[in-house]
Amino acid sequence: MKRFIGGFALSQQAIRFLCIGGGITLFDWVTFTLLCRAMAPSIAFVTSYLVAVFIRFWLDRKITFAVNDGSWIWQLVRYFLSCGATFCISFASFQLATAFGSPQFPAKILSTACGTVLGFLLFKFFVFAQSILAERSEHQQVGS
C-alpha cells in the first residue's frame, strides 16, 4: 500500500510540474508579446525567457518539489544547467524527427515531450534531490 501511495505522490508532483510549466509558458509568451512593443524582439525574447525561468525555479522549488532546505543558489545553478541540457535534448530530438521526414509541428510536439520528461527527471533527481533526501531523513527520524 505504501508503494502505491508513493507512486500516487509522484503523479501528483508530475501534475503540478505540468501545470506550472504550462502556466509559465503562457506567461513567457504574453510577456514576450508585450515586451516586443517596447524593445527589439531578440531582447524581448531573452528577457521574457529569463524572467520565466526565474519564476519557474521559484514555483518548482516551493510548489512542485516543496523544497525548503538546501542552498537555493546552488539549486538555481543546477536548474540553469538542467534547462540547458533540456534545451539541447529538445533541439536534438526536433532535428532528428525532421531529419526522418516528420513535419515541423509533430516534431515540435515530440521535442517538447522529450524535454518535459527530461526536465522533470533532472529537476527531481539533480536540482532538488539533496533537499528532498534531507527532508525524508528528517521525517524518518521524527517517526522513529
Protein backbone atom coordinates (compact mmCIF):
# COMPACT_ATOMS: atom_id res chain seq x y z
CA MET A 1 0.00 0.00 0.00
CA LYS A 2 2.86 2.39 0.85
CA ARG A 3 4.36 1.81 -2.60
CA PHE A 4 1.02 2.71 -4.23
CA ILE A 5 0.80 5.92 -2.19
CA GLY A 6 4.38 6.83 -3.15
CA GLY A 7 3.51 6.32 -6.82
CA PHE A 8 0.41 8.50 -6.40
CA ALA A 9 2.52 11.26 -4.82
CA LEU A 10 4.84 11.17 -7.83
CA SER A 11 1.92 11.52 -10.21
CA GLN A 12 0.57 14.48 -8.20
CA GLN A 13 4.04 16.04 -8.38
CA ALA A 14 4.14 15.46 -12.13
CA ILE A 15 0.73 17.11 -12.50
CA ARG A 16 1.95 20.15 -10.55
CA PHE A 17 5.07 20.21 -12.75
CA LEU A 18 2.99 20.19 -15.94
CA CYS A 19 0.54 22.83 -14.68
CA ILE A 20 3.32 25.17 -13.61
CA GLY A 21 5.16 24.55 -16.89
CA GLY A 22 2.04 25.33 -18.91
CA GLY A 23 1.36 28.47 -16.91
CA ILE A 24 4.94 29.67 -17.25
CA THR A 25 4.88 29.02 -20.99
CA LEU A 26 1.77 31.16 -21.30
CA PHE A 27 3.37 33.84 -19.10
CA ASP A 28 6.51 33.78 -21.28
CA TRP A 29 4.51 34.23 -24.49
CA VAL A 30 2.40 37.07 -23.08
CA THR A 31 5.45 38.81 -21.62
CA PHE A 32 7.33 38.41 -24.90
CA THR A 33 4.41 39.89 -26.84
CA LEU A 34 4.15 42.88 -24.51
CA LEU A 35 7.88 43.50 -24.42
CA CYS A 36 8.05 43.45 -28.23
CA ARG A 37 6.05 46.67 -28.19
CA ALA A 38 8.86 48.43 -26.28
CA MET A 39 12.07 46.73 -27.45
CA ALA A 40 13.69 44.64 -30.15
CA PRO A 41 12.22 41.11 -30.44
CA SER A 42 15.55 39.42 -29.68
CA ILE A 43 15.94 41.40 -26.44
CA ALA A 44 12.28 40.74 -25.58
CA PHE A 45 12.83 37.01 -26.19
CA VAL A 46 15.83 36.79 -23.86
CA THR A 47 14.19 38.98 -21.20
CA SER A 48 10.89 37.09 -21.12
CA TYR A 49 12.69 33.74 -21.14
CA LEU A 50 14.99 34.63 -18.24
CA VAL A 51 12.15 36.06 -16.16
CA ALA A 52 10.09 32.93 -16.86
CA VAL A 53 12.98 30.64 -15.82
CA PHE A 54 13.47 32.50 -12.52
CA ILE A 55 9.74 32.37 -11.75
CA ARG A 56 9.55 28.71 -12.74
CA PHE A 57 12.50 27.92 -10.49
CA TRP A 58 10.76 29.55 -7.55
CA LEU A 59 7.44 27.80 -8.29
CA ASP A 60 9.11 24.41 -8.79
CA ARG A 61 11.09 24.85 -5.59
CA LYS A 62 8.11 25.91 -3.48
CA ILE A 63 5.19 24.05 -5.08
CA THR A 64 6.23 21.21 -7.39
CA PHE A 65 9.00 19.74 -5.25
CA ALA A 66 8.14 21.55 -1.97
CA VAL A 67 11.77 22.18 -1.03
CA ASN A 68 12.61 24.46 1.87
CA ASP A 69 16.12 23.23 2.62
CA GLY A 70 19.40 23.49 0.81
CA SER A 71 21.20 26.32 -0.86
CA TRP A 72 18.81 27.95 -3.30
CA ILE A 73 21.79 29.48 -5.11
CA TRP A 74 23.29 26.06 -5.92
CA GLN A 75 19.85 24.78 -6.79
CA LEU A 76 19.45 27.72 -9.18
CA VAL A 77 22.83 26.95 -10.80
CA ARG A 78 21.82 23.30 -11.23
CA TYR A 79 18.42 24.47 -12.51
CA PHE A 80 20.04 26.55 -15.25
CA LEU A 81 22.35 23.64 -16.16
CA SER A 82 19.31 21.37 -16.33
CA CYS A 83 17.44 23.87 -18.50
CA GLY A 84 20.44 23.93 -20.85
CA ALA A 85 20.53 20.13 -21.03
CA THR A 86 16.78 20.01 -21.59
CA PHE A 87 17.06 22.54 -24.40
CA CYS A 88 19.83 20.50 -26.07
CA ILE A 89 17.83 17.26 -25.89
CA SER A 90 14.69 19.01 -27.16
CA PHE A 91 16.59 20.57 -30.04
CA ALA A 92 18.34 17.29 -30.91
CA SER A 93 15.05 15.36 -30.90
CA PHE A 94 13.46 18.06 -33.07
CA GLN A 95 16.34 17.85 -35.56
CA LEU A 96 16.21 14.04 -35.55
CA ALA A 97 12.46 13.98 -36.16
CA THR A 98 12.70 16.46 -39.04
CA ALA A 99 15.65 14.54 -40.49
CA PHE A 100 13.38 11.47 -40.68
CA GLY A 101 10.78 13.49 -42.54
CA SER A 102 8.44 14.48 -39.74
CA PRO A 103 6.59 17.75 -40.34
CA GLN A 104 7.63 20.62 -38.07
CA PHE A 105 4.60 20.67 -35.76
CA PRO A 106 4.72 16.94 -34.84
CA ALA A 107 8.50 17.25 -34.47
CA LYS A 108 7.96 20.17 -32.08
CA ILE A 109 5.46 18.12 -30.06
CA LEU A 110 7.95 15.23 -29.85
CA SER A 111 10.80 17.52 -28.82
CA THR A 112 8.64 19.22 -26.20
CA ALA A 113 7.64 15.85 -24.75
CA CYS A 114 11.28 14.70 -24.60
CA GLY A 115 12.34 17.97 -22.96
CA THR A 116 9.48 17.86 -20.46
CA VAL A 117 10.26 14.31 -19.30
CA LEU A 118 13.99 15.03 -19.06
CA GLY A 119 13.32 18.32 -17.27
CA PHE A 120 11.12 16.66 -14.65
CA LEU A 121 13.74 13.96 -14.00
CA LEU A 122 16.62 16.44 -13.82
CA PHE A 123 14.76 18.80 -11.53
CA LYS A 124 13.64 15.97 -9.23
CA PHE A 125 16.88 13.98 -9.07
CA PHE A 126 19.57 16.60 -9.75
CA VAL A 127 18.38 20.08 -8.84
CA PHE A 128 16.30 19.41 -5.73
CA ALA A 129 17.40 15.85 -4.87
CA GLN A 130 19.65 16.63 -1.88
CA SER A 131 16.97 18.76 -0.23
CA ILE A 132 14.28 16.14 -0.81
CA LEU A 133 16.52 13.41 0.65
CA ALA A 134 17.29 15.59 3.69
CA GLU A 135 13.58 16.21 4.30
CA ARG A 136 12.80 12.48 4.02
CA SER A 137 15.51 11.52 6.50
CA GLU A 138 14.22 14.18 8.94
CA HIS A 139 10.70 12.75 8.66
CA GLN A 140 12.02 9.22 9.21
CA GLN A 141 13.98 10.32 12.29
CA VAL A 142 10.92 12.04 13.76
CA GLY A 143 8.81 8.93 13.12
CA SER A 144 11.35 6.59 14.79
